[in-house]
Amino acid sequence: LGKKCEAFIAVDEFSIREYLVEMLQKRRQVMPVNAFHRQAIVSENAMVGHGNLFDAGVLINTGTTVGNHCTFHSSSVIEYDVTIGDFVQIGAGSIIGANVKIGNGVFIGAGVTVVAGVNIGEDARIGVGSVVVENVPAKATVFGNPAKKI
């Protein structure tokens, strides 16, 4: 990679993605660029970090802040005033309600609904199809409707 070469890391696995980001930053002093599918919609009033993937049909609403190196799979919807940390993965068809706070390293499976105002702690995991109606502690794994710790 040359000094002026831009890069994007297309790896879902968190630990590998984190390693590659660190390598790019240390060895090449390069921050990965964002990748936007042409059918993704990101509000001009949203703040977006570096190295994020916005797949087809993704919607990021106004006032939302997205960290670095996140992955938004197809048709995920992020409502207004949401705060998303670094290295977050949001599954296809998930809906994140308004004023939700998502910590670093969170995995949200496909088809998850997170109701407005919920906080999700760092490194939490939310199983496919879950409905999250209350805060999720850091490093917890939750699943179901309503989502419960497992």
Protein backbone atom coordinates (compact mmCIF):
# COMPACT_ATOMS: atom_id res chain seq x y z
CA LEU A 1 0.00 0.00 0.00
CA GLY A 2 1.34 3.38 -0.94
CA LYS A 3 1.17 6.39 1.36
CA LYS A 4 -1.78 7.82 -0.59
CA CYS A 5 -3.66 4.53 -0.92
CA GLU A 6 -7.01 4.33 0.84
CA ALA A 7 -8.11 1.11 2.50
CA PHE A 8 -11.28 -0.54 3.75
CA ILE A 9 -11.32 -3.65 5.93
CA ALA A 10 -14.09 -6.01 4.78
CA VAL A 11 -13.92 -8.51 7.65
CA ASP A 12 -16.87 -9.18 9.99
CA GLU A 13 -14.93 -11.08 12.67
CA PHE A 14 -14.29 -8.49 15.40
CA SER A 15 -10.84 -9.69 16.56
CA ILE A 16 -9.45 -9.94 13.02
CA ARG A 17 -10.93 -6.58 12.03
CA GLU A 18 -9.44 -4.95 15.15
CA TYR A 19 -6.01 -6.48 14.40
CA LEU A 20 -6.06 -5.28 10.78
CA VAL A 21 -7.11 -1.76 11.78
CA GLU A 22 -4.27 -1.59 14.30
CA MET A 23 -1.80 -2.86 11.71
CA LEU A 24 -2.92 -0.29 9.14
CA GLN A 25 -2.66 2.53 11.66
CA LYS A 26 0.76 1.52 13.00
CA ARG A 27 2.53 0.35 9.86
CA ARG A 28 0.94 2.53 7.22
CA GLN A 29 -0.51 5.41 9.25
CA VAL A 30 -3.72 4.92 7.29
CA MET A 31 -7.24 5.20 8.71
CA PRO A 32 -9.69 2.99 6.76
CA VAL A 33 -12.32 4.82 4.70
CA ASN A 34 -16.09 4.31 4.99
CA ALA A 35 -17.92 2.13 2.46
CA PHE A 36 -21.46 3.22 1.52
CA HIS A 37 -23.75 1.11 -0.64
CA ARG A 38 -25.52 3.36 -3.14
CA GLN A 39 -28.86 2.49 -1.50
CA ALA A 40 -27.73 3.35 2.03
CA ILE A 41 -29.07 6.60 3.48
CA VAL A 42 -27.09 8.52 6.09
CA SER A 43 -28.52 11.80 7.36
CA GLU A 44 -26.37 14.84 6.71
CA ASN A 45 -26.91 15.60 10.41
CA ALA A 46 -25.37 12.30 11.55
CA MET A 47 -21.72 12.11 12.62
CA VAL A 48 -19.82 9.13 11.24
CA GLY A 49 -16.31 7.92 12.14
CA HIS A 50 -13.89 5.98 9.91
CA GLY A 51 -13.84 2.45 8.48
CA ASN A 52 -17.59 1.81 8.67
CA LEU A 53 -19.67 -0.32 6.27
CA PHE A 54 -23.20 0.82 5.36
CA ASP A 55 -24.86 -1.96 3.35
CA ALA A 56 -27.90 -1.75 1.03
CA GLY A 57 -31.01 -0.25 2.59
CA VAL A 58 -29.31 1.01 5.75
CA LEU A 59 -30.88 4.14 7.25
CA ILE A 60 -28.98 6.33 9.73
CA ASN A 61 -31.21 9.12 11.03
CA THR A 62 -30.47 12.65 12.20
CA GLY A 63 -28.45 13.34 15.32
CA THR A 64 -26.92 9.86 15.38
CA THR A 65 -23.22 9.42 16.14
CA VAL A 66 -21.41 6.38 14.75
CA GLY A 67 -17.92 5.45 15.99
CA ASN A 68 -15.20 3.75 13.95
CA HIS A 69 -15.08 0.35 12.21
CA CYS A 70 -18.76 -0.54 12.56
CA THR A 71 -20.77 -2.77 10.24
CA PHE A 72 -24.41 -2.05 9.37
CA HIS A 73 -25.88 -4.98 7.44
CA SER A 74 -28.71 -4.73 4.90
CA SER A 75 -31.85 -2.81 5.82
CA SER A 76 -30.82 -1.98 9.37
CA VAL A 77 -32.50 1.17 10.69
CA ILE A 78 -30.89 3.47 13.22
CA GLU A 79 -33.35 6.04 14.53
CA TYR A 80 -32.49 9.58 15.67
CA ASP A 81 -30.03 10.62 18.41
CA VAL A 82 -28.48 7.16 18.75
CA THR A 83 -24.86 6.85 19.95
CA ILE A 84 -22.87 3.90 18.61
CA GLY A 85 -19.34 3.04 19.80
CA ASP A 86 -16.46 1.49 17.86
CA PHE A 87 -16.39 -2.01 16.31
CA VAL A 88 -20.17 -2.48 16.57
CA GLN A 89 -21.93 -4.94 14.26
CA ILE A 90 -25.65 -4.53 13.55
CA GLY A 91 -27.40 -7.40 11.77
CA ALA A 92 -29.65 -7.23 8.73
CA GLY A 93 -33.14 -5.89 9.35
CA SER A 94 -32.44 -4.69 12.89
CA ILE A 95 -34.19 -1.59 14.21
CA ILE A 96 -32.49 0.57 16.82
CA GLY A 97 -34.90 3.01 18.49
CA ALA A 98 -34.27 6.68 19.27
CA ASN A 99 -31.83 7.75 22.00
CA VAL A 100 -30.23 4.30 22.33
CA LYS A 101 -26.59 4.12 23.45
CA ILE A 102 -24.50 1.20 22.18
CA GLY A 103 -21.04 0.58 23.66
CA ASN A 104 -17.86 -0.54 21.90
CA GLY A 105 -17.62 -4.07 20.53
CA VAL A 106 -21.35 -4.85 20.65
CA PHE A 107 -22.82 -7.54 18.39
CA ILE A 108 -26.49 -7.22 17.44
CA GLY A 109 -27.88 -10.15 15.43
CA ALA A 110 -30.23 -9.98 12.46
CA GLY A 111 -33.81 -8.85 13.00
CA VAL A 112 -33.26 -7.39 16.47
CA THR A 113 -35.43 -4.55 17.78
CA VAL A 114 -34.02 -2.26 20.48
CA VAL A 115 -36.66 0.05 21.96
CA ALA A 116 -35.99 3.77 22.47
CA GLY A 117 -33.81 4.89 25.36
CA VAL A 118 -32.06 1.58 26.08
CA ASN A 119 -28.32 1.42 26.90
CA ILE A 120 -26.26 -1.54 25.68
CA GLY A 121 -22.94 -2.04 27.49
CA GLU A 122 -19.58 -2.75 25.87
CA ASP A 123 -18.97 -6.18 24.33
CA ALA A 124 -22.61 -7.25 24.81
CA ARG A 125 -24.17 -9.76 22.40
CA ILE A 126 -27.82 -9.74 21.34
CA GLY A 127 -29.23 -12.86 19.68
CA VAL A 128 -31.08 -12.98 16.37
CA GLY A 129 -34.68 -11.74 16.46
CA SER A 130 -34.52 -10.46 20.03
CA VAL A 131 -36.59 -7.56 21.34
CA VAL A 132 -34.55 -5.49 23.80
CA VAL A 133 -36.78 -3.54 26.19
CA GLU A 134 -34.33 -2.84 29.03
CA ASN A 135 -30.65 -1.97 29.47
CA VAL A 136 -28.08 -4.68 28.66
CA PRO A 137 -24.99 -4.82 30.91
CA ALA A 138 -21.45 -4.92 29.50
CA LYS A 139 -20.34 -8.37 28.28
CA ALA A 140 -23.84 -9.83 28.70
CA THR A 141 -25.49 -12.10 26.14
CA VAL A 142 -29.24 -11.65 25.78
CA PHE A 143 -31.82 -13.41 23.63
CA GLY A 144 -35.58 -13.64 23.17
CA ASN A 145 -38.75 -11.55 23.28
CA PRO A 146 -38.34 -9.82 25.61
CA ALA A 147 -34.55 -10.30 25.60
CA LYS A 148 -33.22 -11.99 28.74
CA LYS A 149 -29.67 -12.73 29.88
CA ILE A 150 -28.50 -16.26 29.01
